[in-house]
Amino acid sequence: MRLFVTLVLISTFFLLHSTLSHAQILNDRTTVQVIQKGINHIYNYEFAEANTQIQQIQNKYPGHPVTYFMRAFQMHWQYLPIKDNKSKVSEYIRLLNQCLGAVEKVYGKDSKDPEAVFFTMAARGYIALMYNYQNELLKAAGEAQKTYGTLIDGLKLTEKNPEFYFTTGMYNYYVEKYPEDHAIVRPIMVFFKDGNKALGLRQIDTATRTAVITKVEAAYYLAHIYLEHESRPDLADNYTSRLNAWYPNNPIFKMIHIEASVLSGRYAEAEKELAELKQQKDGFYPIAWHVFEGLISEKKEKNDREAQREYLAALQIPHDAQYTREYHAMAYAGLARIQDRAGNKAKARELYKKCLEKAQYDAIEREAKAYLK
């Protein structure tokens, strides 16, 4: 959710809005409302309710690409991380390919119809995201490059429509930040229009306050930017608290909200939400709540023994590359700090080296590198 492939995915949102007044299904106000209800149900993990909405759309527009796309979008959340769900990943890819096939059948090959462009972009965006999950960064960036012309058109419309603040802001930020962190894509980036990170942050914030369709994605991505790149968990907390309030059943939104609260020292809020997250016993969620318990024990309670126990418990669980890799980095950093306080400098150095193998957050990388100098 925090890499340059984002540029592929966010462009689908501006296309959705830009086609509302021109396209067949997206000009059907009643159907658009059903689509939006379905998406809200998906975000809130109300999948049975979402199925009802999707079935309504399918009954009204049989064979239309929107139903394939929405079912794939639901699978993305319901079986998250979809790349690790071997029994579902083939179905997920099949739905995206069915979406592309339906586009060609309904609109014709290489159609420039706004709906055809939107659903093609949407399906390709999630295929690109799968490339990203598989660490195929050049393929993911290549997919982003294919959307460049459409995205640049959206940059010109920011002042006319608040939905474009998100896409424009994300472009301005990541077109500068991504090649800073991923040297492999720098040769490709010379062909992209320059951005402005500070302006991008302001634009994404505007989207969280004024947009309708893109406000959820804007809040989610902006929170990640402040956590991962800007090292401002206090600012991230402003957005994660909204996500958690809007979609209280979404464990990813709850997880990132607790993270922002812990890292910004808002321990009472974190502990209140932590009890609910700890009900998630499966998948990668226990990594997160063990790390959060460890940070609270270390930072708030000053109890290194308990913190060490929680950090070690987190490291016993395999992490996901997209959602919980950083929690392993946090656990190694926490254990390194504990060893340093105990006077075990060599062990602390060893743990910080392991931390750097996992770390993607700028603040954690700086902490580890400063100790290893």
Protein backbone atom coordinates (compact mmCIF):
# COMPACT_ATOMS: atom_id res chain seq x y z
CA MET A 1 0.00 0.00 0.00
CA ARG A 2 3.03 2.43 0.17
CA LEU A 3 4.94 1.95 -3.04
CA PHE A 4 5.04 3.60 -6.44
CA VAL A 5 2.46 1.16 -7.84
CA THR A 6 0.09 3.36 -5.86
CA LEU A 7 0.18 5.69 -8.85
CA VAL A 8 -1.55 3.00 -10.89
CA LEU A 9 -4.23 2.40 -8.29
CA ILE A 10 -5.02 5.98 -7.39
CA SER A 11 -5.49 6.89 -11.03
CA THR A 12 -8.47 4.53 -11.08
CA PHE A 13 -10.16 6.67 -8.46
CA PHE A 14 -9.86 9.87 -10.46
CA LEU A 15 -11.10 8.02 -13.53
CA LEU A 16 -14.12 6.85 -11.56
CA HIS A 17 -15.06 10.38 -10.70
CA SER A 18 -14.23 11.85 -14.09
CA THR A 19 -16.49 9.36 -15.87
CA LEU A 20 -19.54 9.89 -13.67
CA SER A 21 -21.16 12.40 -16.02
CA HIS A 22 -20.23 10.66 -19.27
CA ALA A 23 -20.53 6.90 -18.95
CA GLN A 24 -23.37 4.40 -19.02
CA ILE A 25 -23.26 2.56 -15.68
CA LEU A 26 -21.47 5.33 -13.81
CA ASN A 27 -24.05 7.81 -15.03
CA ASP A 28 -26.74 5.67 -13.40
CA ARG A 29 -27.00 7.52 -10.09
CA THR A 30 -28.82 4.68 -8.33
CA THR A 31 -26.18 2.16 -9.40
CA VAL A 32 -23.35 4.48 -8.36
CA GLN A 33 -24.90 4.67 -4.89
CA VAL A 34 -25.10 0.88 -4.76
CA ILE A 35 -21.44 0.67 -5.81
CA GLN A 36 -20.43 3.13 -3.08
CA LYS A 37 -22.45 1.24 -0.47
CA GLY A 38 -20.79 -1.99 -1.54
CA ILE A 39 -17.32 -0.46 -1.28
CA ASN A 40 -18.12 0.90 2.20
CA HIS A 41 -19.29 -2.56 3.28
CA ILE A 42 -16.04 -4.04 1.98
CA TYR A 43 -13.95 -1.50 3.88
CA ASN A 44 -15.90 -2.34 7.04
CA TYR A 45 -15.50 -6.10 6.53
CA GLU A 46 -19.23 -6.58 5.99
CA PHE A 47 -18.74 -8.98 3.12
CA ALA A 48 -22.19 -10.58 3.12
CA GLU A 49 -23.74 -7.13 2.77
CA ALA A 50 -21.24 -6.28 0.03
CA ASN A 51 -22.21 -9.45 -1.84
CA THR A 52 -25.82 -8.28 -1.82
CA GLN A 53 -24.84 -4.95 -3.38
CA ILE A 54 -22.64 -6.62 -6.00
CA GLN A 55 -25.41 -9.05 -6.91
CA GLN A 56 -27.79 -6.12 -7.41
CA ILE A 57 -25.36 -4.59 -9.87
CA GLN A 58 -24.80 -7.88 -11.65
CA ASN A 59 -28.54 -8.43 -12.04
CA LYS A 60 -28.95 -4.97 -13.58
CA TYR A 61 -25.80 -5.06 -15.73
CA PRO A 62 -24.98 -8.73 -16.46
CA GLY A 63 -21.54 -9.25 -17.95
CA HIS A 64 -20.40 -5.73 -17.09
CA PRO A 65 -16.77 -5.38 -15.89
CA VAL A 66 -17.86 -3.55 -12.71
CA THR A 67 -19.01 -6.76 -11.02
CA TYR A 68 -15.71 -8.55 -11.73
CA PHE A 69 -13.78 -5.58 -10.42
CA MET A 70 -15.84 -5.27 -7.25
CA ARG A 71 -15.53 -8.99 -6.52
CA ALA A 72 -11.76 -8.73 -6.93
CA PHE A 73 -11.69 -5.64 -4.69
CA GLN A 74 -13.63 -7.59 -2.06
CA MET A 75 -11.21 -10.53 -2.29
CA HIS A 76 -8.30 -8.11 -1.86
CA TRP A 77 -9.69 -7.16 1.56
CA GLN A 78 -11.43 -10.37 2.62
CA TYR A 79 -8.38 -12.59 2.07
CA LEU A 80 -5.72 -10.04 2.85
CA PRO A 81 -2.91 -10.48 2.02
CA ILE A 82 -4.33 -12.09 -1.10
CA LYS A 83 -0.92 -13.06 -2.45
CA ASP A 84 -0.45 -15.53 0.42
CA ASN A 85 -3.86 -17.17 0.07
CA LYS A 86 -2.99 -19.96 -2.36
CA SER A 87 -6.57 -21.23 -2.56
CA LYS A 88 -7.86 -17.77 -3.56
CA VAL A 89 -5.11 -16.05 -5.52
CA SER A 90 -5.91 -17.84 -8.79
CA GLU A 91 -9.58 -16.85 -8.45
CA TYR A 92 -8.52 -13.27 -7.75
CA ILE A 93 -6.36 -13.08 -10.88
CA ARG A 94 -9.11 -14.76 -12.89
CA LEU A 95 -11.60 -12.09 -11.81
CA LEU A 96 -9.23 -9.32 -12.88
CA ASN A 97 -8.69 -10.98 -16.25
CA GLN A 98 -12.46 -11.47 -16.59
CA CYS A 99 -12.82 -7.75 -15.95
CA LEU A 100 -10.40 -7.03 -18.79
CA GLY A 101 -12.20 -9.51 -21.04
CA ALA A 102 -15.57 -7.94 -20.22
CA VAL A 103 -14.19 -4.51 -21.10
CA GLU A 104 -13.23 -5.75 -24.57
CA LYS A 105 -16.56 -7.55 -25.03
CA VAL A 106 -18.73 -4.62 -23.90
CA TYR A 107 -16.76 -1.73 -25.40
CA GLY A 108 -14.53 -3.26 -28.07
CA LYS A 109 -10.78 -3.69 -28.26
CA ASP A 110 -8.68 -0.65 -27.26
CA SER A 111 -11.82 1.38 -26.60
CA LYS A 112 -11.39 4.96 -25.45
CA ASP A 113 -14.81 4.98 -23.80
CA PRO A 114 -14.36 6.45 -20.29
CA GLU A 115 -15.81 3.37 -18.59
CA ALA A 116 -13.61 1.06 -20.65
CA VAL A 117 -10.53 3.08 -19.68
CA PHE A 118 -11.53 3.10 -16.02
CA PHE A 119 -12.09 -0.64 -15.64
CA THR A 120 -9.01 -1.47 -17.68
CA MET A 121 -6.97 0.77 -15.40
CA ALA A 122 -8.55 -0.68 -12.29
CA ALA A 123 -7.88 -4.30 -13.27
CA ARG A 124 -4.35 -3.54 -14.41
CA GLY A 125 -3.77 -1.59 -11.23
CA TYR A 126 -4.46 -4.58 -9.04
CA ILE A 127 -2.40 -6.82 -11.29
CA ALA A 128 0.41 -4.28 -10.85
CA LEU A 129 -0.11 -4.44 -7.10
CA MET A 130 0.39 -8.21 -7.30
CA TYR A 131 3.68 -7.58 -9.10
CA ASN A 132 4.61 -5.29 -6.24
CA TYR A 133 3.73 -7.98 -3.67
CA GLN A 134 5.98 -10.37 -5.58
CA ASN A 135 8.80 -7.80 -5.47
CA GLU A 136 8.69 -7.34 -9.25
CA LEU A 137 9.39 -3.63 -8.93
CA LEU A 138 10.29 -2.99 -12.56
CA LYS A 139 7.08 -4.64 -13.76
CA ALA A 140 5.08 -2.64 -11.21
CA ALA A 141 6.75 0.60 -12.27
CA GLY A 142 6.15 -0.37 -15.89
CA GLU A 143 2.43 -0.64 -15.20
CA ALA A 144 2.54 2.79 -13.60
CA GLN A 145 4.33 4.14 -16.65
CA LYS A 146 1.47 2.96 -18.87
CA THR A 147 -0.93 5.18 -16.91
CA TYR A 148 1.27 8.25 -17.06
CA GLY A 149 -0.65 10.18 -19.72
CA THR A 150 -3.98 9.73 -17.99
CA LEU A 151 -2.52 10.68 -14.64
CA ILE A 152 -0.94 13.85 -16.00
CA ASP A 153 -4.32 14.86 -17.41
CA GLY A 154 -5.69 14.57 -13.89
CA LEU A 155 -3.02 16.91 -12.53
CA LYS A 156 -4.55 19.70 -14.60
CA LEU A 157 -7.98 19.26 -12.99
CA THR A 158 -7.07 19.61 -9.31
CA GLU A 159 -8.63 23.02 -8.87
CA LYS A 160 -11.86 21.96 -10.59
CA ASN A 161 -12.68 18.89 -8.54
CA PRO A 162 -11.65 17.96 -4.97
CA GLU A 163 -11.27 14.27 -5.90
CA PHE A 164 -8.15 15.19 -7.88
CA TYR A 165 -6.34 16.48 -4.80
CA PHE A 166 -5.64 12.88 -3.80
CA THR A 167 -4.25 11.70 -7.11
CA THR A 168 -2.30 14.89 -7.71
CA GLY A 169 -0.94 14.91 -4.16
CA MET A 170 0.14 11.28 -4.34
CA TYR A 171 1.86 11.89 -7.63
CA ASN A 172 3.66 14.99 -6.36
CA TYR A 173 4.88 13.14 -3.27
CA TYR A 174 5.81 9.71 -4.61
CA VAL A 175 7.31 10.74 -7.92
CA GLU A 176 10.02 12.40 -5.77
CA LYS A 177 10.13 9.99 -2.83
CA TYR A 178 9.99 6.60 -4.53
CA PRO A 179 13.22 6.91 -6.57
CA GLU A 180 14.97 8.26 -3.46
CA ASP A 181 14.32 4.90 -1.81
CA HIS A 182 14.47 2.60 -4.86
CA ALA A 183 17.50 3.29 -7.03
CA ILE A 184 16.50 0.56 -9.48
CA VAL A 185 13.65 2.67 -10.89
CA ARG A 186 15.60 5.94 -11.27
CA PRO A 187 16.31 5.41 -14.99
CA ILE A 188 12.57 5.12 -15.62
CA MET A 189 11.75 8.18 -13.53
CA VAL A 190 13.65 10.60 -15.75
CA PHE A 191 10.66 10.48 -18.09
CA PHE A 192 8.19 11.57 -15.40
CA LYS A 193 7.11 15.13 -14.61
CA ASP A 194 8.79 16.53 -11.48
CA GLY A 195 6.82 16.58 -8.23
CA ASN A 196 6.90 18.41 -4.91
CA LYS A 197 6.66 16.44 -1.67
CA ALA A 198 5.50 19.28 0.57
CA LEU A 199 2.82 20.30 -1.90
CA GLY A 200 1.78 16.68 -2.27
CA LEU A 201 1.20 16.32 1.48
CA ARG A 202 -0.98 19.43 1.51
CA GLN A 203 -3.00 18.19 -1.44
CA ILE A 204 -3.64 14.74 0.03
CA ASP A 205 -4.76 16.38 3.27
CA THR A 206 -7.19 18.51 1.29
CA ALA A 207 -8.62 15.31 -0.20
CA THR A 208 -9.25 13.84 3.26
CA ARG A 209 -11.38 16.88 4.08
CA THR A 210 -13.11 17.74 0.82
CA ALA A 211 -13.26 14.63 -1.36
CA VAL A 212 -16.03 12.03 -1.28
CA ILE A 213 -14.88 9.07 -3.34
CA THR A 214 -11.17 9.28 -2.49
CA LYS A 215 -11.23 10.39 1.16
CA VAL A 216 -10.68 6.89 2.60
CA GLU A 217 -7.70 6.15 0.38
CA ALA A 218 -6.33 9.64 1.01
CA ALA A 219 -6.46 9.21 4.79
CA TYR A 220 -4.96 5.72 4.62
CA TYR A 221 -2.05 6.64 2.39
CA LEU A 222 -1.33 9.91 4.16
CA ALA A 223 -1.14 8.10 7.49
CA HIS A 224 1.39 5.68 5.99
CA ILE A 225 3.44 8.53 4.58
CA TYR A 226 3.66 10.20 7.98
CA LEU A 227 4.58 6.91 9.66
CA GLU A 228 6.99 5.52 7.10
CA HIS A 229 8.65 8.50 5.48
CA GLU A 230 8.01 11.66 7.48
CA SER A 231 8.47 10.18 10.98
CA ARG A 232 5.47 12.09 12.31
CA PRO A 233 3.21 9.53 14.03
CA ASP A 234 1.40 12.39 15.77
CA LEU A 235 0.21 13.64 12.39
CA ALA A 236 -0.57 10.11 11.19
CA ASP A 237 -2.83 9.68 14.22
CA ASN A 238 -5.09 12.45 12.91
CA TYR A 239 -5.98 10.28 9.92
CA THR A 240 -5.92 6.81 11.47
CA SER A 241 -8.41 7.93 14.10
CA ARG A 242 -10.83 8.90 11.34
CA LEU A 243 -10.39 5.57 9.52
CA ASN A 244 -10.94 3.66 12.75
CA ALA A 245 -14.11 5.64 13.45
CA TRP A 246 -15.48 5.29 9.92
CA TYR A 247 -14.78 1.55 9.67
CA PRO A 248 -14.53 0.07 13.18
CA ASN A 249 -14.63 -3.51 11.89
CA ASN A 250 -11.57 -3.11 9.67
CA PRO A 251 -8.58 -4.67 11.49
CA ILE A 252 -6.02 -3.07 9.17
CA PHE A 253 -7.34 0.39 9.94
CA LYS A 254 -7.42 -0.47 13.65
CA MET A 255 -3.88 -1.84 13.49
CA ILE A 256 -2.43 1.27 11.89
CA HIS A 257 -4.39 3.48 14.30
CA ILE A 258 -2.89 1.70 17.31
CA GLU A 259 0.55 1.97 15.74
CA ALA A 260 0.19 5.72 15.28
CA SER A 261 -1.14 6.12 18.82
CA VAL A 262 1.71 4.11 20.37
CA LEU A 263 4.44 5.82 18.37
CA SER A 264 3.04 9.25 19.21
CA GLY A 265 2.86 8.37 22.94
CA ARG A 266 -0.94 8.27 23.15
CA TYR A 267 -0.89 5.09 25.19
CA ALA A 268 -4.39 5.33 26.69
CA GLU A 269 -5.97 5.44 23.23
CA ALA A 270 -3.72 2.60 22.04
CA GLU A 271 -4.56 0.36 24.99
CA LYS A 272 -8.28 0.95 24.52
CA GLU A 273 -8.14 -0.26 20.92
CA LEU A 274 -5.52 -2.92 21.57
CA ALA A 275 -7.91 -5.12 23.50
CA GLU A 276 -10.05 -5.48 20.40
CA LEU A 277 -7.14 -6.08 18.03
CA LYS A 278 -5.89 -8.88 20.31
CA GLN A 279 -9.03 -10.80 19.44
CA GLN A 280 -7.41 -11.33 16.03
CA LYS A 281 -5.57 -14.57 16.73
CA ASP A 282 -4.87 -15.64 13.15
CA GLY A 283 -2.68 -14.39 10.34
CA PHE A 284 -0.19 -11.60 10.89
CA TYR A 285 -2.20 -9.57 13.42
CA PRO A 286 -0.55 -11.18 16.49
CA ILE A 287 2.79 -9.80 15.26
CA ALA A 288 1.35 -6.30 15.45
CA TRP A 289 -0.23 -6.54 18.86
CA HIS A 290 2.80 -8.26 20.40
CA VAL A 291 4.96 -5.38 19.14
CA PHE A 292 2.49 -2.79 20.42
CA GLU A 293 2.45 -4.50 23.83
CA GLY A 294 6.23 -4.51 23.76
CA LEU A 295 6.46 -0.81 22.94
CA ILE A 296 3.99 0.08 25.69
CA SER A 297 5.92 -2.05 28.21
CA GLU A 298 9.22 -0.53 27.14
CA LYS A 299 8.25 3.10 26.66
CA LYS A 300 5.40 3.60 29.12
CA GLU A 301 5.95 1.00 31.84
CA LYS A 302 9.76 0.94 31.61
CA ASN A 303 9.56 -2.84 31.95
CA ASP A 304 12.31 -4.26 29.75
CA ARG A 305 11.67 -7.87 30.78
CA GLU A 306 8.04 -7.78 29.67
CA ALA A 307 8.90 -5.80 26.56
CA GLN A 308 11.53 -8.37 25.59
CA ARG A 309 9.01 -11.18 26.00
CA GLU A 310 6.55 -9.43 23.66
CA TYR A 311 9.17 -8.57 21.04
CA LEU A 312 10.44 -12.16 20.96
CA ALA A 313 6.87 -13.45 20.64
CA ALA A 314 6.35 -11.19 17.62
CA LEU A 315 9.50 -12.48 15.95
CA GLN A 316 8.29 -16.07 16.26
CA ILE A 317 5.52 -15.32 13.74
CA PRO A 318 6.40 -15.00 10.03
CA HIS A 319 5.76 -11.48 8.78
CA ASP A 320 4.01 -10.33 5.63
CA ALA A 321 6.13 -8.27 3.27
CA GLN A 322 3.53 -5.50 2.91
CA TYR A 323 1.75 -5.18 6.24
CA THR A 324 3.91 -6.49 9.09
CA ARG A 325 7.51 -6.52 7.92
CA GLU A 326 8.09 -3.23 9.74
CA TYR A 327 6.85 -4.73 13.00
CA HIS A 328 9.71 -7.22 12.89
CA ALA A 329 12.05 -4.27 12.39
CA MET A 330 10.46 -2.55 15.41
CA ALA A 331 10.88 -5.72 17.47
CA TYR A 332 14.57 -6.03 16.60
CA ALA A 333 15.10 -2.34 17.38
CA GLY A 334 13.34 -2.73 20.72
CA LEU A 335 15.45 -5.75 21.63
CA ALA A 336 18.57 -3.83 20.60
CA ARG A 337 17.67 -0.95 22.91
CA ILE A 338 17.09 -3.39 25.77
CA GLN A 339 20.47 -5.04 25.19
CA ASP A 340 22.17 -1.66 25.02
CA ARG A 341 20.67 -0.64 28.36
CA ALA A 342 21.89 -3.94 29.80
CA GLY A 343 25.41 -3.14 28.61
CA ASN A 344 25.47 -5.81 25.90
CA LYS A 345 26.77 -3.59 23.10
CA ALA A 346 27.81 -6.40 20.76
CA LYS A 347 24.40 -8.03 21.00
CA ALA A 348 22.72 -4.67 20.44
CA ARG A 349 24.75 -4.19 17.25
CA GLU A 350 23.79 -7.65 16.04
CA LEU A 351 20.10 -6.91 16.60
CA TYR A 352 20.29 -3.53 14.87
CA LYS A 353 21.84 -5.24 11.83
CA LYS A 354 18.87 -7.60 11.73
CA CYS A 355 16.62 -4.59 12.13
CA LEU A 356 18.11 -2.96 9.04
CA GLU A 357 17.40 -6.08 6.99
CA LYS A 358 13.69 -5.48 7.60
CA ALA A 359 13.33 -1.74 8.17
CA GLN A 360 11.53 0.52 5.73
CA TYR A 361 10.55 3.33 8.09
CA ASP A 362 13.01 6.18 7.85
CA ALA A 363 13.09 6.74 11.63
CA ILE A 364 13.96 3.12 12.41
CA GLU A 365 16.65 3.06 9.73
CA ARG A 366 18.18 6.22 11.17
CA GLU A 367 18.13 4.76 14.69
CA ALA A 368 19.86 1.57 13.61
CA LYS A 369 22.43 3.26 11.38
CA ALA A 370 23.31 5.81 14.05
CA TYR A 371 24.05 3.01 16.54
CA LEU A 372 26.14 1.03 14.03
CA LYS A 373 28.41 3.96 13.10
